[in-house]
Amino acid sequence: MAQASTPAPCPECGRKAERIPPTSFAAFTMREGYPRAIPDRGTYWHLGKEVKRPITGKARMNEHPEINKPQPPPRKSKGELEALADKREAKRKEEAKMRASGIEPPRLHGALADDE
């Protein structure tokens, strides 16, 4: 650095000439233990794809929650929905019969009440 302003021989002809500083500059810094290029956009890389956050918590191997979105639960078919409606109707009729005969039907809470 101290000799940057002194003339140096030209690599092509050998004459003394001014030094020309490089026009490009590459620097790296360390962030969270990994080298990061400057300017650092604050993003991360996962298997060659840019993501906003690192993986935290449980994740499947080689998958990132931002890239591999979780699959939505499967929708019930028309036949399955009709079968559930038939079950509910049969249950309602059975409870009505029980009440008519003076018996209090059992009470279930939450998801059990819908499924059974």
PDB file of N, CA and C in Angstrom:
ATOM      1  N   MET A   1       0.831  -1.184   0.000  1.00  0.00           N
ATOM      2  CA  MET A   1       0.000   0.000   0.000  1.00  0.00           C
ATOM      3  C   MET A   1       0.883   1.257   0.000  1.00  0.00           C
ATOM      4  N   ALA A   2       2.000   1.206   0.703  1.00  0.00           N
ATOM      5  CA  ALA A   2       2.866   2.388   0.763  1.00  0.00           C
ATOM      6  C   ALA A   2       3.483   2.692  -0.596  1.00  0.00           C
ATOM      7  N   GLN A   3       3.680   1.702  -1.433  1.00  0.00           N
ATOM      8  CA  GLN A   3       4.306   1.905  -2.737  1.00  0.00           C
ATOM      9  C   GLN A   3       3.286   2.018  -3.869  1.00  0.00           C
ATOM     10  N   ALA A   4       2.019   2.198  -3.556  1.00  0.00           N
ATOM     11  CA  ALA A   4       0.986   2.227  -4.579  1.00  0.00           C
ATOM     12  C   ALA A   4       1.141   3.397  -5.531  1.00  0.00           C
ATOM     13  N   SER A   5       1.683   4.519  -5.069  1.00  0.00           N
ATOM     14  CA  SER A   5       1.798   5.701  -5.940  1.00  0.00           C
ATOM     15  C   SER A   5       3.104   5.724  -6.725  1.00  0.00           C
ATOM     16  N   THR A   6       4.072   4.900  -6.396  1.00  0.00           N
ATOM     17  CA  THR A   6       5.347   4.903  -7.126  1.00  0.00           C
ATOM     18  C   THR A   6       5.174   4.201  -8.472  1.00  0.00           C
ATOM     19  N   PRO A   7       5.921   4.654  -9.498  1.00  0.00           N
ATOM     20  CA  PRO A   7       5.817   4.008 -10.807  1.00  0.00           C
ATOM     21  C   PRO A   7       6.278   2.552 -10.749  1.00  0.00           C
ATOM     22  N   ALA A   8       5.698   1.744 -11.644  1.00  0.00           N
ATOM     23  CA  ALA A   8       6.054   0.329 -11.727  1.00  0.00           C
ATOM     24  C   ALA A   8       6.271  -0.025 -13.191  1.00  0.00           C
ATOM     25  N   PRO A   9       7.064  -1.058 -13.482  1.00  0.00           N
ATOM     26  CA  PRO A   9       7.284  -1.405 -14.882  1.00  0.00           C
ATOM     27  C   PRO A   9       6.008  -1.933 -15.536  1.00  0.00           C
ATOM     28  N   CYS A  10       5.816  -1.563 -16.803  1.00  0.00           N
ATOM     29  CA  CYS A  10       4.667  -2.032 -17.571  1.00  0.00           C
ATOM     30  C   CYS A  10       4.849  -3.522 -17.840  1.00  0.00           C
ATOM     31  N   PRO A  11       3.795  -4.330 -17.634  1.00  0.00           N
ATOM     32  CA  PRO A  11       3.944  -5.763 -17.859  1.00  0.00           C
ATOM     33  C   PRO A  11       4.127  -6.114 -19.335  1.00  0.00           C
ATOM     34  N   GLU A  12       3.788  -5.213 -20.261  1.00  0.00           N
ATOM     35  CA  GLU A  12       3.906  -5.533 -21.682  1.00  0.00           C
ATOM     36  C   GLU A  12       5.201  -5.014 -22.302  1.00  0.00           C
ATOM     37  N   CYS A  13       5.544  -3.739 -21.994  1.00  0.00           N
ATOM     38  CA  CYS A  13       6.736  -3.188 -22.660  1.00  0.00           C
ATOM     39  C   CYS A  13       7.920  -2.994 -21.700  1.00  0.00           C
ATOM     40  N   GLY A  14       7.712  -3.029 -20.391  1.00  0.00           N
ATOM     41  CA  GLY A  14       8.795  -2.906 -19.429  1.00  0.00           C
ATOM     42  C   GLY A  14       9.132  -1.485 -19.034  1.00  0.00           C
ATOM     43  N   ARG A  15       8.505  -0.434 -19.613  1.00  0.00           N
ATOM     44  CA  ARG A  15       8.788   0.943 -19.236  1.00  0.00           C
ATOM     45  C   ARG A  15       8.114   1.266 -17.908  1.00  0.00           C
ATOM     46  N   LYS A  16       8.695   2.246 -17.195  1.00  0.00           N
ATOM     47  CA  LYS A  16       8.096   2.684 -15.935  1.00  0.00           C
ATOM     48  C   LYS A  16       6.869   3.524 -16.256  1.00  0.00           C
ATOM     49  N   ALA A  17       5.772   3.236 -15.564  1.00  0.00           N
ATOM     50  CA  ALA A  17       4.521   3.961 -15.815  1.00  0.00           C
ATOM     51  C   ALA A  17       3.745   4.066 -14.508  1.00  0.00           C
ATOM     52  N   GLU A  18       2.687   4.902 -14.526  1.00  0.00           N
ATOM     53  CA  GLU A  18       1.845   5.029 -13.330  1.00  0.00           C
ATOM     54  C   GLU A  18       1.089   3.734 -13.100  1.00  0.00           C
ATOM     55  N   ARG A  19       0.852   3.472 -11.852  1.00  0.00           N
ATOM     56  CA  ARG A  19       0.042   2.296 -11.526  1.00  0.00           C
ATOM     57  C   ARG A  19      -1.431   2.645 -11.690  1.00  0.00           C
ATOM     58  N   ILE A  20      -2.175   1.735 -12.216  1.00  0.00           N
ATOM     59  CA  ILE A  20      -3.615   1.927 -12.374  1.00  0.00           C
ATOM     60  C   ILE A  20      -4.306   1.033 -11.351  1.00  0.00           C
ATOM     61  N   PRO A  21      -5.083   1.656 -10.454  1.00  0.00           N
ATOM     62  CA  PRO A  21      -5.756   0.822  -9.449  1.00  0.00           C
ATOM     63  C   PRO A  21      -6.828  -0.051 -10.106  1.00  0.00           C
ATOM     64  N   PRO A  22      -7.098  -1.184  -9.536  1.00  0.00           N
ATOM     65  CA  PRO A  22      -8.116  -2.064 -10.123  1.00  0.00           C
ATOM     66  C   PRO A  22      -9.491  -1.396 -10.085  1.00  0.00           C
ATOM     67  N   THR A  23     -10.287  -1.682 -11.078  1.00  0.00           N
ATOM     68  CA  THR A  23     -11.627  -1.087 -11.146  1.00  0.00           C
ATOM     69  C   THR A  23     -12.673  -1.933 -10.406  1.00  0.00           C
ATOM     70  N   SER A  24     -12.375  -3.166 -10.154  1.00  0.00           N
ATOM     71  CA  SER A  24     -13.332  -4.011  -9.422  1.00  0.00           C
ATOM     72  C   SER A  24     -12.727  -4.403  -8.078  1.00  0.00           C
ATOM     73  N   PHE A  25     -13.598  -4.606  -7.137  1.00  0.00           N
ATOM     74  CA  PHE A  25     -13.154  -4.941  -5.793  1.00  0.00           C
ATOM     75  C   PHE A  25     -14.116  -5.978  -5.224  1.00  0.00           C
ATOM     76  N   ALA A  26     -13.591  -7.033  -4.671  1.00  0.00           N
ATOM     77  CA  ALA A  26     -14.429  -8.056  -4.045  1.00  0.00           C
ATOM     78  C   ALA A  26     -13.979  -8.208  -2.595  1.00  0.00           C
ATOM     79  N   ALA A  27     -14.931  -8.179  -1.696  1.00  0.00           N
ATOM     80  CA  ALA A  27     -14.612  -8.327  -0.276  1.00  0.00           C
ATOM     81  C   ALA A  27     -15.619  -9.283   0.351  1.00  0.00           C
ATOM     82  N   PHE A  28     -15.196  -9.935   1.384  1.00  0.00           N
ATOM     83  CA  PHE A  28     -16.073 -10.848   2.114  1.00  0.00           C
ATOM     84  C   PHE A  28     -16.042 -10.482   3.584  1.00  0.00           C
ATOM     85  N   THR A  29     -17.122 -10.739   4.239  1.00  0.00           N
ATOM     86  CA  THR A  29     -17.202 -10.554   5.679  1.00  0.00           C
ATOM     87  C   THR A  29     -17.781 -11.834   6.267  1.00  0.00           C
ATOM     88  N   MET A  30     -17.694 -11.982   7.544  1.00  0.00           N
ATOM     89  CA  MET A  30     -18.243 -13.166   8.198  1.00  0.00           C
ATOM     90  C   MET A  30     -19.542 -12.777   8.896  1.00  0.00           C
ATOM     91  N   ARG A  31     -20.577 -13.585   8.715  1.00  0.00           N
ATOM     92  CA  ARG A  31     -21.831 -13.389   9.424  1.00  0.00           C
ATOM     93  C   ARG A  31     -22.341 -14.747   9.841  1.00  0.00           C
ATOM     94  N   GLU A  32     -22.569 -14.899  11.117  1.00  0.00           N
ATOM     95  CA  GLU A  32     -23.040 -16.159  11.699  1.00  0.00           C
ATOM     96  C   GLU A  32     -22.124 -17.322  11.340  1.00  0.00           C
ATOM     97  N   GLY A  33     -20.824 -17.037  11.242  1.00  0.00           N
ATOM     98  CA  GLY A  33     -19.841 -18.087  11.013  1.00  0.00           C
ATOM     99  C   GLY A  33     -19.606 -18.443   9.565  1.00  0.00           C
ATOM    100  N   TYR A  34     -20.294 -17.790   8.622  1.00  0.00           N
ATOM    101  CA  TYR A  34     -20.139 -18.093   7.207  1.00  0.00           C
ATOM    102  C   TYR A  34     -19.668 -16.851   6.470  1.00  0.00           C
ATOM    103  N   PRO A  35     -18.800 -17.012   5.444  1.00  0.00           N
ATOM    104  CA  PRO A  35     -18.363 -15.839   4.683  1.00  0.00           C
ATOM    105  C   PRO A  35     -19.524 -15.283   3.864  1.00  0.00           C
ATOM    106  N   ARG A  36     -19.670 -13.980   3.877  1.00  0.00           N
ATOM    107  CA  ARG A  36     -20.744 -13.320   3.137  1.00  0.00           C
ATOM    108  C   ARG A  36     -20.132 -12.303   2.192  1.00  0.00           C
ATOM    109  N   ALA A  37     -20.650 -12.202   0.980  1.00  0.00           N
ATOM    110  CA  ALA A  37     -20.176 -11.212   0.013  1.00  0.00           C
ATOM    111  C   ALA A  37     -20.690  -9.840   0.408  1.00  0.00           C
ATOM    112  N   ILE A  38     -19.936  -8.810   0.059  1.00  0.00           N
ATOM    113  CA  ILE A  38     -20.370  -7.444   0.310  1.00  0.00           C
ATOM    114  C   ILE A  38     -20.795  -6.871  -1.035  1.00  0.00           C
ATOM    115  N   PRO A  39     -21.908  -6.233  -1.246  1.00  0.00           N
ATOM    116  CA  PRO A  39     -22.898  -5.901  -0.225  1.00  0.00           C
ATOM    117  C   PRO A  39     -23.738  -7.114   0.155  1.00  0.00           C
ATOM    118  N   ASP A  40     -24.039  -7.208   1.410  1.00  0.00           N
ATOM    119  CA  ASP A  40     -24.820  -8.312   1.943  1.00  0.00           C
ATOM    120  C   ASP A  40     -26.291  -7.893   1.969  1.00  0.00           C
ATOM    121  N   ARG A  41     -27.144  -8.633   1.245  1.00  0.00           N
ATOM    122  CA  ARG A  41     -28.562  -8.271   1.193  1.00  0.00           C
ATOM    123  C   ARG A  41     -29.327  -8.790   2.405  1.00  0.00           C
ATOM    124  N   GLY A  42     -28.664  -9.518   3.269  1.00  0.00           N
ATOM    125  CA  GLY A  42     -29.338 -10.029   4.460  1.00  0.00           C
ATOM    126  C   GLY A  42     -30.146 -11.287   4.198  1.00  0.00           C
ATOM    127  N   THR A  43     -29.905 -11.939   3.060  1.00  0.00           N
ATOM    128  CA  THR A  43     -30.638 -13.165   2.754  1.00  0.00           C
ATOM    129  C   THR A  43     -29.714 -14.356   2.937  1.00  0.00           C
ATOM    130  N   TYR A  44     -30.289 -15.542   2.841  1.00  0.00           N
ATOM    131  CA  TYR A  44     -29.551 -16.783   3.012  1.00  0.00           C
ATOM    132  C   TYR A  44     -29.736 -17.627   1.760  1.00  0.00           C
ATOM    133  N   TRP A  45     -28.926 -18.651   1.617  1.00  0.00           N
ATOM    134  CA  TRP A  45     -29.023 -19.555   0.484  1.00  0.00           C
ATOM    135  C   TRP A  45     -29.271 -20.958   0.997  1.00  0.00           C
ATOM    136  N   HIS A  46     -30.209 -21.647   0.356  1.00  0.00           N
ATOM    137  CA  HIS A  46     -30.514 -23.032   0.712  1.00  0.00           C
ATOM    138  C   HIS A  46     -30.532 -23.838  -0.577  1.00  0.00           C
ATOM    139  N   LEU A  47     -29.560 -24.722  -0.742  1.00  0.00           N
ATOM    140  CA  LEU A  47     -29.439 -25.575  -1.927  1.00  0.00           C
ATOM    141  C   LEU A  47     -29.543 -24.763  -3.218  1.00  0.00           C
ATOM    142  N   GLY A  48     -28.837 -23.621  -3.269  1.00  0.00           N
ATOM    143  CA  GLY A  48     -28.769 -22.810  -4.467  1.00  0.00           C
ATOM    144  C   GLY A  48     -29.932 -21.854  -4.663  1.00  0.00           C
ATOM    145  N   LYS A  49     -30.857 -21.776  -3.720  1.00  0.00           N
ATOM    146  CA  LYS A  49     -31.989 -20.862  -3.835  1.00  0.00           C
ATOM    147  C   LYS A  49     -31.945 -19.856  -2.689  1.00  0.00           C
ATOM    148  N   GLU A  50     -32.287 -18.612  -3.003  1.00  0.00           N
ATOM    149  CA  GLU A  50     -32.227 -17.547  -2.010  1.00  0.00           C
ATOM    150  C   GLU A  50     -33.480 -17.580  -1.130  1.00  0.00           C
ATOM    151  N   VAL A  51     -33.281 -17.518   0.182  1.00  0.00           N
ATOM    152  CA  VAL A  51     -34.385 -17.501   1.143  1.00  0.00           C
ATOM    153  C   VAL A  51     -34.177 -16.341   2.110  1.00  0.00           C
ATOM    154  N   LYS A  52     -35.257 -15.930   2.780  1.00  0.00           N
ATOM    155  CA  LYS A  52     -35.170 -14.769   3.673  1.00  0.00           C
ATOM    156  C   LYS A  52     -34.686 -15.120   5.071  1.00  0.00           C
ATOM    157  N   ARG A  53     -34.995 -16.330   5.549  1.00  0.00           N
ATOM    158  CA  ARG A  53     -34.619 -16.715   6.911  1.00  0.00           C
ATOM    159  C   ARG A  53     -33.929 -18.074   6.913  1.00  0.00           C
ATOM    160  N   PRO A  54     -33.005 -18.294   7.857  1.00  0.00           N
ATOM    161  CA  PRO A  54     -32.419 -19.630   7.963  1.00  0.00           C
ATOM    162  C   PRO A  54     -33.431 -20.598   8.570  1.00  0.00           C
ATOM    163  N   ILE A  55     -33.161 -21.868   8.440  1.00  0.00           N
ATOM    164  CA  ILE A  55     -34.046 -22.877   9.018  1.00  0.00           C
ATOM    165  C   ILE A  55     -33.885 -22.852  10.529  1.00  0.00           C
ATOM    166  N   THR A  56     -34.989 -22.749  11.237  1.00  0.00           N
ATOM    167  CA  THR A  56     -34.992 -22.840  12.692  1.00  0.00           C
ATOM    168  C   THR A  56     -36.029 -23.876  13.081  1.00  0.00           C
ATOM    169  N   GLY A  57     -35.728 -24.661  14.042  1.00  0.00           N
ATOM    170  CA  GLY A  57     -36.673 -25.677  14.483  1.00  0.00           C
ATOM    171  C   GLY A  57     -36.625 -26.910  13.598  1.00  0.00           C
ATOM    172  N   LYS A  58     -37.689 -27.694  13.655  1.00  0.00           N
ATOM    173  CA  LYS A  58     -37.741 -28.943  12.908  1.00  0.00           C
ATOM    174  C   LYS A  58     -38.023 -28.677  11.437  1.00  0.00           C
ATOM    175  N   ALA A  59     -37.343 -29.429  10.582  1.00  0.00           N
ATOM    176  CA  ALA A  59     -37.573 -29.354   9.136  1.00  0.00           C
ATOM    177  C   ALA A  59     -37.157 -30.681   8.530  1.00  0.00           C
ATOM    178  N   ARG A  60     -37.794 -31.039   7.424  1.00  0.00           N
ATOM    179  CA  ARG A  60     -37.408 -32.262   6.734  1.00  0.00           C
ATOM    180  C   ARG A  60     -36.070 -32.035   6.060  1.00  0.00           C
ATOM    181  N   MET A  61     -35.290 -33.107   5.902  1.00  0.00           N
ATOM    182  CA  MET A  61     -33.956 -32.988   5.342  1.00  0.00           C
ATOM    183  C   MET A  61     -34.018 -32.432   3.915  1.00  0.00           C
ATOM    184  N   ASN A  62     -33.135 -31.498   3.604  1.00  0.00           N
ATOM    185  CA  ASN A  62     -33.004 -30.850   2.300  1.00  0.00           C
ATOM    186  C   ASN A  62     -34.244 -30.073   1.889  1.00  0.00           C
ATOM    187  N   GLU A  63     -35.085 -29.695   2.814  1.00  0.00           N
ATOM    188  CA  GLU A  63     -36.255 -28.886   2.495  1.00  0.00           C
ATOM    189  C   GLU A  63     -36.233 -27.624   3.344  1.00  0.00           C
ATOM    190  N   HIS A  64     -36.671 -26.534   2.771  1.00  0.00           N
ATOM    191  CA  HIS A  64     -36.751 -25.259   3.478  1.00  0.00           C
ATOM    192  C   HIS A  64     -38.209 -24.818   3.466  1.00  0.00           C
ATOM    193  N   PRO A  65     -38.743 -24.340   4.604  1.00  0.00           N
ATOM    194  CA  PRO A  65     -40.156 -23.959   4.652  1.00  0.00           C
ATOM    195  C   PRO A  65     -40.560 -22.897   3.634  1.00  0.00           C
ATOM    196  N   GLU A  66     -39.641 -22.013   3.220  1.00  0.00           N
ATOM    197  CA  GLU A  66     -39.984 -20.992   2.234  1.00  0.00           C
ATOM    198  C   GLU A  66     -40.042 -21.561   0.819  1.00  0.00           C
ATOM    199  N   ILE A  67     -39.237 -22.574   0.539  1.00  0.00           N
ATOM    200  CA  ILE A  67     -39.184 -23.150  -0.803  1.00  0.00           C
ATOM    201  C   ILE A  67     -40.212 -24.272  -0.940  1.00  0.00           C
ATOM    202  N   ASN A  68     -40.214 -25.191   0.014  1.00  0.00           N
ATOM    203  CA  ASN A  68     -41.130 -26.327  -0.017  1.00  0.00           C
ATOM    204  C   ASN A  68     -42.306 -26.019   0.896  1.00  0.00           C
ATOM    205  N   LYS A  69     -43.317 -25.390   0.341  1.00  0.00           N
ATOM    206  CA  LYS A  69     -44.493 -25.025   1.130  1.00  0.00           C
ATOM    207  C   LYS A  69     -45.211 -26.290   1.585  1.00  0.00           C
ATOM    208  N   PRO A  70     -45.738 -26.292   2.825  1.00  0.00           N
ATOM    209  CA  PRO A  70     -46.472 -27.478   3.279  1.00  0.00           C
ATOM    210  C   PRO A  70     -47.734 -27.688   2.442  1.00  0.00           C
ATOM    211  N   GLN A  71     -48.032 -28.940   2.172  1.00  0.00           N
ATOM    212  CA  GLN A  71     -49.212 -29.283   1.383  1.00  0.00           C
ATOM    213  C   GLN A  71     -50.474 -29.058   2.208  1.00  0.00           C
ATOM    214  N   PRO A  72     -51.511 -28.483   1.616  1.00  0.00           N
ATOM    215  CA  PRO A  72     -52.759 -28.317   2.361  1.00  0.00           C
ATOM    216  C   PRO A  72     -53.406 -29.680   2.585  1.00  0.00           C
ATOM    217  N   PRO A  73     -54.206 -29.818   3.633  1.00  0.00           N
ATOM    218  CA  PRO A  73     -54.854 -31.097   3.865  1.00  0.00           C
ATOM    219  C   PRO A  73     -55.779 -31.431   2.695  1.00  0.00           C
ATOM    220  N   PRO A  74     -55.902 -32.707   2.357  1.00  0.00           N
ATOM    221  CA  PRO A  74     -56.740 -33.069   1.215  1.00  0.00           C
ATOM    222  C   PRO A  74     -58.203 -32.730   1.480  1.00  0.00           C
ATOM    223  N   ARG A  75     -58.885 -32.274   0.445  1.00  0.00           N
ATOM    224  CA  ARG A  75     -60.303 -31.944   0.561  1.00  0.00           C
ATOM    225  C   ARG A  75     -61.119 -33.221   0.442  1.00  0.00           C
ATOM    226  N   LYS A  76     -62.225 -33.240   1.155  1.00  0.00           N
ATOM    227  CA  LYS A  76     -63.093 -34.415   1.101  1.00  0.00           C
ATOM    228  C   LYS A  76     -63.871 -34.409  -0.205  1.00  0.00           C
ATOM    229  N   SER A  77     -64.100 -35.622  -0.727  1.00  0.00           N
ATOM    230  CA  SER A  77     -64.852 -35.739  -1.972  1.00  0.00           C
ATOM    231  C   SER A  77     -66.341 -35.550  -1.697  1.00  0.00           C
ATOM    232  N   LYS A  78     -67.099 -35.415  -2.775  1.00  0.00           N
ATOM    233  CA  LYS A  78     -68.539 -35.215  -2.645  1.00  0.00           C
ATOM    234  C   LYS A  78     -69.180 -36.417  -1.940  1.00  0.00           C
ATOM    235  N   GLY A  79     -68.722 -37.620  -2.267  1.00  0.00           N
ATOM    236  CA  GLY A  79     -69.261 -38.827  -1.629  1.00  0.00           C
ATOM    237  C   GLY A  79     -68.973 -38.866  -0.134  1.00  0.00           C
ATOM    238  N   GLU A  80     -67.738 -38.459   0.247  1.00  0.00           N
ATOM    239  CA  GLU A  80     -67.388 -38.436   1.672  1.00  0.00           C
ATOM    240  C   GLU A  80     -68.222 -37.415   2.428  1.00  0.00           C
ATOM    241  N   LEU A  81     -68.458 -36.250   1.812  1.00  0.00           N
ATOM    242  CA  LEU A  81     -69.275 -35.223   2.456  1.00  0.00           C
ATOM    243  C   LEU A  81     -70.721 -35.704   2.623  1.00  0.00           C
ATOM    244  N   GLU A  82     -71.247 -36.409   1.609  1.00  0.00           N
ATOM    245  CA  GLU A  82     -72.604 -36.942   1.706  1.00  0.00           C
ATOM    246  C   GLU A  82     -72.698 -38.007   2.794  1.00  0.00           C
ATOM    247  N   ALA A  83     -71.667 -38.855   2.908  1.00  0.00           N
ATOM    248  CA  ALA A  83     -71.661 -39.897   3.940  1.00  0.00           C
ATOM    249  C   ALA A  83     -71.658 -39.260   5.330  1.00  0.00           C
ATOM    250  N   LEU A  84     -70.858 -38.189   5.522  1.00  0.00           N
ATOM    251  CA  LEU A  84     -70.846 -37.508   6.817  1.00  0.00           C
ATOM    252  C   LEU A  84     -72.203 -36.878   7.120  1.00  0.00           C
ATOM    253  N   ALA A  85     -72.831 -36.280   6.103  1.00  0.00           N
ATOM    254  CA  ALA A  85     -74.161 -35.682   6.302  1.00  0.00           C
ATOM    255  C   ALA A  85     -75.177 -36.764   6.686  1.00  0.00           C
ATOM    256  N   ASP A  86     -75.097 -37.940   6.052  1.00  0.00           N
ATOM    257  CA  ASP A  86     -75.998 -39.047   6.390  1.00  0.00           C
ATOM    258  C   ASP A  86     -75.783 -39.509   7.836  1.00  0.00           C
ATOM    259  N   LYS A  87     -74.502 -39.573   8.252  1.00  0.00           N
ATOM    260  CA  LYS A  87     -74.197 -39.969   9.634  1.00  0.00           C
ATOM    261  C   LYS A  87     -74.803 -38.979  10.627  1.00  0.00           C
ATOM    262  N   ARG A  88     -74.629 -37.693  10.338  1.00  0.00           N
ATOM    263  CA  ARG A  88     -75.169 -36.673  11.245  1.00  0.00           C
ATOM    264  C   ARG A  88     -76.693 -36.754  11.323  1.00  0.00           C
ATOM    265  N   GLU A  89     -77.325 -36.975  10.190  1.00  0.00           N
ATOM    266  CA  GLU A  89     -78.781 -37.069  10.160  1.00  0.00           C
ATOM    267  C   GLU A  89     -79.261 -38.288  10.953  1.00  0.00           C
ATOM    268  N   ALA A  90     -78.582 -39.428  10.791  1.00  0.00           N
ATOM    269  CA  ALA A  90     -78.951 -40.633  11.537  1.00  0.00           C
ATOM    270  C   ALA A  90     -78.755 -40.412  13.038  1.00  0.00           C
ATOM    271  N   LYS A  91     -77.682 -39.737  13.411  1.00  0.00           N
ATOM    272  CA  LYS A  91     -77.420 -39.461  14.825  1.00  0.00           C
ATOM    273  C   LYS A  91     -78.501 -38.542  15.397  1.00  0.00           C
ATOM    274  N   ARG A  92     -78.868 -37.506  14.609  1.00  0.00           N
ATOM    275  CA  ARG A  92     -79.915 -36.591  15.063  1.00  0.00           C
ATOM    276  C   ARG A  92     -81.237 -37.321  15.274  1.00  0.00           C
ATOM    277  N   LYS A  93     -81.588 -38.223  14.355  1.00  0.00           N
ATOM    278  CA  LYS A  93     -82.839 -38.989  14.487  1.00  0.00           C
ATOM    279  C   LYS A  93     -82.802 -39.901  15.710  1.00  0.00           C
ATOM    280  N   GLU A  94     -81.630 -40.537  15.929  1.00  0.00           N
ATOM    281  CA  GLU A  94     -81.491 -41.436  17.080  1.00  0.00           C
ATOM    282  C   GLU A  94     -81.638 -40.663  18.386  1.00  0.00           C
ATOM    283  N   GLU A  95     -81.030 -39.476  18.456  1.00  0.00           N
ATOM    284  CA  GLU A  95     -81.149 -38.663  19.670  1.00  0.00           C
ATOM    285  C   GLU A  95     -82.594 -38.192  19.875  1.00  0.00           C
ATOM    286  N   ALA A  96     -83.285 -37.877  18.771  1.00  0.00           N
ATOM    287  CA  ALA A  96     -84.694 -37.461  18.881  1.00  0.00           C
ATOM    288  C   ALA A  96     -85.542 -38.607  19.428  1.00  0.00           C
ATOM    289  N   LYS A  97     -85.278 -39.843  18.975  1.00  0.00           N
ATOM    290  CA  LYS A  97     -86.009 -41.014  19.479  1.00  0.00           C
ATOM    291  C   LYS A  97     -85.735 -41.214  20.972  1.00  0.00           C
ATOM    292  N   MET A  98     -84.456 -41.029  21.362  1.00  0.00           N
ATOM    293  CA  MET A  98     -84.100 -41.213  22.766  1.00  0.00           C
ATOM    294  C   MET A  98     -84.817 -40.185  23.638  1.00  0.00           C
ATOM    295  N   ARG A  99     -84.843 -38.926  23.184  1.00  0.00           N
ATOM    296  CA  ARG A  99     -85.519 -37.888  23.960  1.00  0.00           C
ATOM    297  C   ARG A  99     -87.030 -38.171  24.059  1.00  0.00           C
ATOM    298  N   ALA A 100     -87.615 -38.649  22.950  1.00  0.00           N
ATOM    299  CA  ALA A 100     -89.050 -38.954  22.945  1.00  0.00           C
ATOM    300  C   ALA A 100     -89.393 -40.066  23.932  1.00  0.00           C
ATOM    301  N   SER A 101     -88.457 -41.011  24.142  1.00  0.00           N
ATOM    302  CA  SER A 101     -88.719 -42.097  25.076  1.00  0.00           C
ATOM    303  C   SER A 101     -88.290 -41.765  26.506  1.00  0.00           C
ATOM    304  N   GLY A 102     -87.770 -40.517  26.720  1.00  0.00           N
ATOM    305  CA  GLY A 102     -87.419 -40.084  28.068  1.00  0.00           C
ATOM    306  C   GLY A 102     -85.979 -40.356  28.465  1.00  0.00           C
ATOM    307  N   ILE A 103     -85.142 -40.761  27.551  1.00  0.00           N
ATOM    308  CA  ILE A 103     -83.725 -41.026  27.836  1.00  0.00           C
ATOM    309  C   ILE A 103     -82.910 -39.835  27.325  1.00  0.00           C
ATOM    310  N   GLU A 104     -82.031 -39.353  28.173  1.00  0.00           N
ATOM    311  CA  GLU A 104     -81.165 -38.229  27.766  1.00  0.00           C
ATOM    312  C   GLU A 104     -79.990 -38.792  26.964  1.00  0.00           C
ATOM    313  N   PRO A 105     -79.778 -38.343  25.704  1.00  0.00           N
ATOM    314  CA  PRO A 105     -78.655 -38.862  24.909  1.00  0.00           C
ATOM    315  C   PRO A 105     -77.316 -38.425  25.505  1.00  0.00           C
ATOM    316  N   PRO A 106     -76.269 -39.240  25.335  1.00  0.00           N
ATOM    317  CA  PRO A 106     -74.946 -38.867  25.867  1.00  0.00           C
ATOM    318  C   PRO A 106     -74.425 -37.627  25.147  1.00  0.00           C
ATOM    319  N   ARG A 107     -73.699 -36.788  25.880  1.00  0.00           N
ATOM    320  CA  ARG A 107     -73.158 -35.557  25.298  1.00  0.00           C
ATOM    321  C   ARG A 107     -71.657 -35.738  25.083  1.00  0.00           C
ATOM    322  N   LEU A 108     -71.208 -35.514  23.865  1.00  0.00           N
ATOM    323  CA  LEU A 108     -69.790 -35.569  23.521  1.00  0.00           C
ATOM    324  C   LEU A 108     -69.340 -34.175  23.141  1.00  0.00           C
ATOM    325  N   HIS A 109     -68.062 -33.874  23.427  1.00  0.00           N
ATOM    326  CA  HIS A 109     -67.522 -32.527  23.173  1.00  0.00           C
ATOM    327  C   HIS A 109     -66.506 -32.566  22.042  1.00  0.00           C
ATOM    328  N   GLY A 110     -66.398 -31.461  21.332  1.00  0.00           N
ATOM    329  CA  GLY A 110     -65.325 -31.267  20.347  1.00  0.00           C
ATOM    330  C   GLY A 110     -65.472 -32.117  19.121  1.00  0.00           C
ATOM    331  N   ALA A 111     -64.318 -32.593  18.622  1.00  0.00           N
ATOM    332  CA  ALA A 111     -64.272 -33.341  17.366  1.00  0.00           C
ATOM    333  C   ALA A 111     -64.990 -34.683  17.471  1.00  0.00           C
ATOM    334  N   LEU A 112     -65.009 -35.268  18.669  1.00  0.00           N
ATOM    335  CA  LEU A 112     -65.682 -36.551  18.833  1.00  0.00           C
ATOM    336  C   LEU A 112     -67.166 -36.452  18.512  1.00  0.00           C
ATOM    337  N   ALA A 113     -67.767 -35.335  18.845  1.00  0.00           N
ATOM    338  CA  ALA A 113     -69.196 -35.171  18.615  1.00  0.00           C
ATOM    339  C   ALA A 113     -69.530 -35.180  17.132  1.00  0.00           C
ATOM    340  N   ASP A 114     -68.653 -34.652  16.294  1.00  0.00           N
ATOM    341  CA  ASP A 114     -68.909 -34.617  14.851  1.00  0.00           C
ATOM    342  C   ASP A 114     -68.626 -35.949  14.182  1.00  0.00           C
ATOM    343  N   ASP A 115     -67.604 -36.666  14.642  1.00  0.00           N
ATOM    344  CA  ASP A 115     -67.187 -37.891  13.970  1.00  0.00           C
ATOM    345  C   ASP A 115     -68.063 -39.086  14.297  1.00  0.00           C
ATOM    346  N   GLU A 116     -68.581 -39.143  15.504  1.00  0.00           N
ATOM    347  CA  GLU A 116     -69.311 -40.334  15.889  1.00  0.00           C
ATOM    348  C   GLU A 116     -70.792 -40.201  15.663  1.00  0.00           C
TER     349      GLU A 116
END
